[in-house]
Amino acid sequence: MTKTASKAPEQTTETPAVGKSVVFRDLAFKSRVLFWQGKSWPVSASRIETSDPGMIAWLEKNREFRREEA
């Protein structure tokens, strides 16, 4: 009996480089705290900065936030 090793499927989703921060402007509030996946994300002076790929994806889909160009 021959056993074959199974490979894990390759991931094809693109994510920003780890450690690269992205800044979003909060269009609704100057200050607030977002709670997402067990973490808190502060908004200060209508800005939020994160390097978390999941949070970046969430902010890009939310119409209350606009990504700022570097």
N, C-alpha and C. Protein backbone atom coordinates (compact mmCIF):
# COMPACT_ATOMS: atom_id res chain seq x y z
N MET A 1 0.85 -1.17 0.00
CA MET A 1 0.00 0.00 0.00
C MET A 1 0.89 1.24 0.00
N THR A 2 0.65 2.14 -0.92
CA THR A 2 1.46 3.35 -1.05
C THR A 2 0.64 4.54 -0.57
N LYS A 3 1.27 5.36 0.28
CA LYS A 3 0.62 6.57 0.76
C LYS A 3 1.16 7.75 -0.04
N THR A 4 0.27 8.64 -0.38
CA THR A 4 0.69 9.85 -1.08
C THR A 4 0.48 11.04 -0.18
N ALA A 5 1.43 11.93 -0.19
CA ALA A 5 1.32 13.14 0.63
C ALA A 5 0.38 14.12 -0.06
N SER A 6 -0.49 14.71 0.70
CA SER A 6 -1.41 15.69 0.13
C SER A 6 -0.85 17.09 0.37
N LYS A 7 -0.95 17.92 -0.63
CA LYS A 7 -0.49 19.29 -0.53
C LYS A 7 -1.66 20.19 -0.16
N ALA A 8 -1.33 21.21 0.61
CA ALA A 8 -2.34 22.21 0.94
C ALA A 8 -2.57 23.07 -0.30
N PRO A 9 -3.79 23.51 -0.53
CA PRO A 9 -4.05 24.35 -1.70
C PRO A 9 -3.28 25.66 -1.60
N GLU A 10 -2.81 26.15 -2.72
CA GLU A 10 -2.08 27.41 -2.74
C GLU A 10 -3.05 28.57 -2.59
N GLN A 11 -2.61 29.57 -1.85
CA GLN A 11 -3.44 30.76 -1.68
C GLN A 11 -3.21 31.69 -2.85
N THR A 12 -4.29 32.25 -3.37
CA THR A 12 -4.18 33.11 -4.53
C THR A 12 -4.58 34.55 -4.24
N THR A 13 -4.98 34.85 -3.00
CA THR A 13 -5.40 36.21 -2.69
C THR A 13 -4.18 37.09 -2.45
N GLU A 14 -4.25 38.31 -2.95
CA GLU A 14 -3.16 39.25 -2.74
C GLU A 14 -3.38 40.00 -1.45
N THR A 15 -2.32 40.16 -0.67
CA THR A 15 -2.39 40.94 0.54
C THR A 15 -1.23 41.92 0.55
N PRO A 16 -1.42 43.08 1.16
CA PRO A 16 -0.32 44.04 1.24
C PRO A 16 0.84 43.45 2.02
N ALA A 17 2.02 43.96 1.76
CA ALA A 17 3.22 43.49 2.45
C ALA A 17 3.06 43.70 3.95
N VAL A 18 3.51 42.74 4.72
CA VAL A 18 3.42 42.83 6.18
C VAL A 18 4.22 44.04 6.63
N GLY A 19 3.63 44.83 7.52
CA GLY A 19 4.31 45.99 8.04
C GLY A 19 4.06 47.27 7.26
N LYS A 20 3.48 47.19 6.07
CA LYS A 20 3.20 48.39 5.28
C LYS A 20 1.87 48.97 5.73
N SER A 21 1.92 50.15 6.33
CA SER A 21 0.72 50.79 6.84
C SER A 21 -0.04 51.50 5.74
N VAL A 22 -1.35 51.49 5.89
CA VAL A 22 -2.25 52.18 4.98
C VAL A 22 -3.10 53.11 5.82
N VAL A 23 -3.32 54.32 5.32
CA VAL A 23 -4.11 55.32 6.05
C VAL A 23 -5.44 55.52 5.34
N PHE A 24 -6.50 55.56 6.14
CA PHE A 24 -7.85 55.83 5.64
C PHE A 24 -8.40 57.05 6.35
N ARG A 25 -9.20 57.83 5.63
CA ARG A 25 -9.90 58.96 6.23
C ARG A 25 -11.31 58.52 6.58
N ASP A 26 -11.70 58.82 7.82
CA ASP A 26 -13.06 58.53 8.29
C ASP A 26 -13.94 59.69 7.85
N LEU A 27 -14.90 59.43 7.00
CA LEU A 27 -15.76 60.46 6.46
C LEU A 27 -16.96 60.77 7.36
N ALA A 28 -17.15 59.98 8.40
CA ALA A 28 -18.32 60.16 9.26
C ALA A 28 -17.97 60.72 10.65
N PHE A 29 -16.81 60.36 11.18
CA PHE A 29 -16.46 60.76 12.54
C PHE A 29 -15.02 61.27 12.61
N LYS A 30 -14.78 62.20 13.56
CA LYS A 30 -13.42 62.67 13.80
C LYS A 30 -12.71 61.73 14.76
N SER A 31 -13.47 61.11 15.65
CA SER A 31 -12.89 60.23 16.66
C SER A 31 -13.88 59.12 17.00
N ARG A 32 -13.39 57.90 17.00
CA ARG A 32 -14.19 56.75 17.41
C ARG A 32 -13.27 55.55 17.50
N VAL A 33 -13.78 54.47 18.04
CA VAL A 33 -13.03 53.22 18.12
C VAL A 33 -13.82 52.15 17.38
N LEU A 34 -13.17 51.49 16.44
CA LEU A 34 -13.79 50.38 15.71
C LEU A 34 -13.38 49.08 16.38
N PHE A 35 -14.31 48.18 16.52
CA PHE A 35 -14.02 46.85 17.07
C PHE A 35 -14.25 45.84 15.96
N TRP A 36 -13.20 45.11 15.61
CA TRP A 36 -13.26 44.16 14.51
C TRP A 36 -12.38 42.97 14.82
N GLN A 37 -12.93 41.80 14.77
CA GLN A 37 -12.25 40.53 15.02
C GLN A 37 -11.45 40.53 16.32
N GLY A 38 -12.08 41.02 17.37
CA GLY A 38 -11.48 40.99 18.71
C GLY A 38 -10.41 42.04 18.97
N LYS A 39 -10.23 42.97 18.05
CA LYS A 39 -9.24 44.04 18.22
C LYS A 39 -9.93 45.38 18.18
N SER A 40 -9.31 46.38 18.78
CA SER A 40 -9.85 47.73 18.69
C SER A 40 -8.94 48.57 17.80
N TRP A 41 -9.57 49.42 17.02
CA TRP A 41 -8.88 50.24 16.02
C TRP A 41 -9.31 51.69 16.24
N PRO A 42 -8.44 52.54 16.79
CA PRO A 42 -8.82 53.93 17.05
C PRO A 42 -8.80 54.80 15.81
N VAL A 43 -9.79 55.68 15.72
CA VAL A 43 -9.83 56.72 14.71
C VAL A 43 -9.54 58.02 15.44
N SER A 44 -8.55 58.76 14.98
CA SER A 44 -8.18 60.02 15.61
C SER A 44 -7.97 61.06 14.51
N ALA A 45 -8.52 62.24 14.70
CA ALA A 45 -8.44 63.31 13.71
C ALA A 45 -8.92 62.81 12.34
N SER A 46 -9.97 62.02 12.35
CA SER A 46 -10.59 61.45 11.14
C SER A 46 -9.68 60.52 10.36
N ARG A 47 -8.67 59.95 11.03
CA ARG A 47 -7.73 59.05 10.35
C ARG A 47 -7.57 57.74 11.11
N ILE A 48 -7.40 56.68 10.36
CA ILE A 48 -7.10 55.38 10.93
C ILE A 48 -5.97 54.77 10.09
N GLU A 49 -4.99 54.22 10.77
CA GLU A 49 -3.84 53.63 10.09
C GLU A 49 -3.70 52.17 10.52
N THR A 50 -3.50 51.29 9.55
CA THR A 50 -3.37 49.87 9.85
C THR A 50 -2.51 49.18 8.81
N SER A 51 -1.90 48.08 9.23
CA SER A 51 -1.16 47.23 8.30
C SER A 51 -1.79 45.84 8.23
N ASP A 52 -2.92 45.66 8.92
CA ASP A 52 -3.62 44.38 8.94
C ASP A 52 -4.38 44.18 7.63
N PRO A 53 -4.04 43.16 6.85
CA PRO A 53 -4.69 42.94 5.55
C PRO A 53 -6.21 42.80 5.64
N GLY A 54 -6.72 42.14 6.67
CA GLY A 54 -8.16 41.97 6.82
C GLY A 54 -8.86 43.27 7.11
N MET A 55 -8.25 44.08 7.97
CA MET A 55 -8.84 45.39 8.30
C MET A 55 -8.80 46.31 7.09
N ILE A 56 -7.72 46.26 6.32
CA ILE A 56 -7.62 47.07 5.10
C ILE A 56 -8.75 46.70 4.14
N ALA A 57 -8.98 45.42 3.97
CA ALA A 57 -10.05 44.96 3.07
C ALA A 57 -11.41 45.45 3.57
N TRP A 58 -11.63 45.38 4.88
CA TRP A 58 -12.91 45.83 5.45
C TRP A 58 -13.10 47.32 5.25
N LEU A 59 -12.06 48.11 5.50
CA LEU A 59 -12.15 49.56 5.35
C LEU A 59 -12.39 49.94 3.88
N GLU A 60 -11.78 49.23 2.96
CA GLU A 60 -11.98 49.52 1.54
C GLU A 60 -13.42 49.28 1.09
N LYS A 61 -14.11 48.36 1.73
CA LYS A 61 -15.50 48.05 1.38
C LYS A 61 -16.50 48.97 2.07
N ASN A 62 -16.06 49.66 3.12
CA ASN A 62 -16.96 50.49 3.91
C ASN A 62 -17.00 51.91 3.33
N ARG A 63 -18.18 52.40 3.02
CA ARG A 63 -18.30 53.70 2.38
C ARG A 63 -18.05 54.88 3.32
N GLU A 64 -17.88 54.62 4.62
CA GLU A 64 -17.55 55.69 5.56
C GLU A 64 -16.05 55.98 5.60
N PHE A 65 -15.26 55.21 4.83
CA PHE A 65 -13.81 55.38 4.83
C PHE A 65 -13.30 55.53 3.41
N ARG A 66 -12.28 56.37 3.26
CA ARG A 66 -11.64 56.56 1.96
C ARG A 66 -10.13 56.40 2.14
N ARG A 67 -9.55 55.56 1.33
CA ARG A 67 -8.11 55.32 1.39
C ARG A 67 -7.37 56.57 0.94
N GLU A 68 -6.35 56.97 1.70
CA GLU A 68 -5.53 58.12 1.33
C GLU A 68 -4.31 57.66 0.58
N GLU A 69 -3.96 58.39 -0.45
CA GLU A 69 -2.79 58.06 -1.23
C GLU A 69 -1.54 58.54 -0.49
N ALA A 70 -0.48 57.76 -0.62
CA ALA A 70 0.77 58.10 0.07
C ALA A 70 1.50 59.23 -0.59
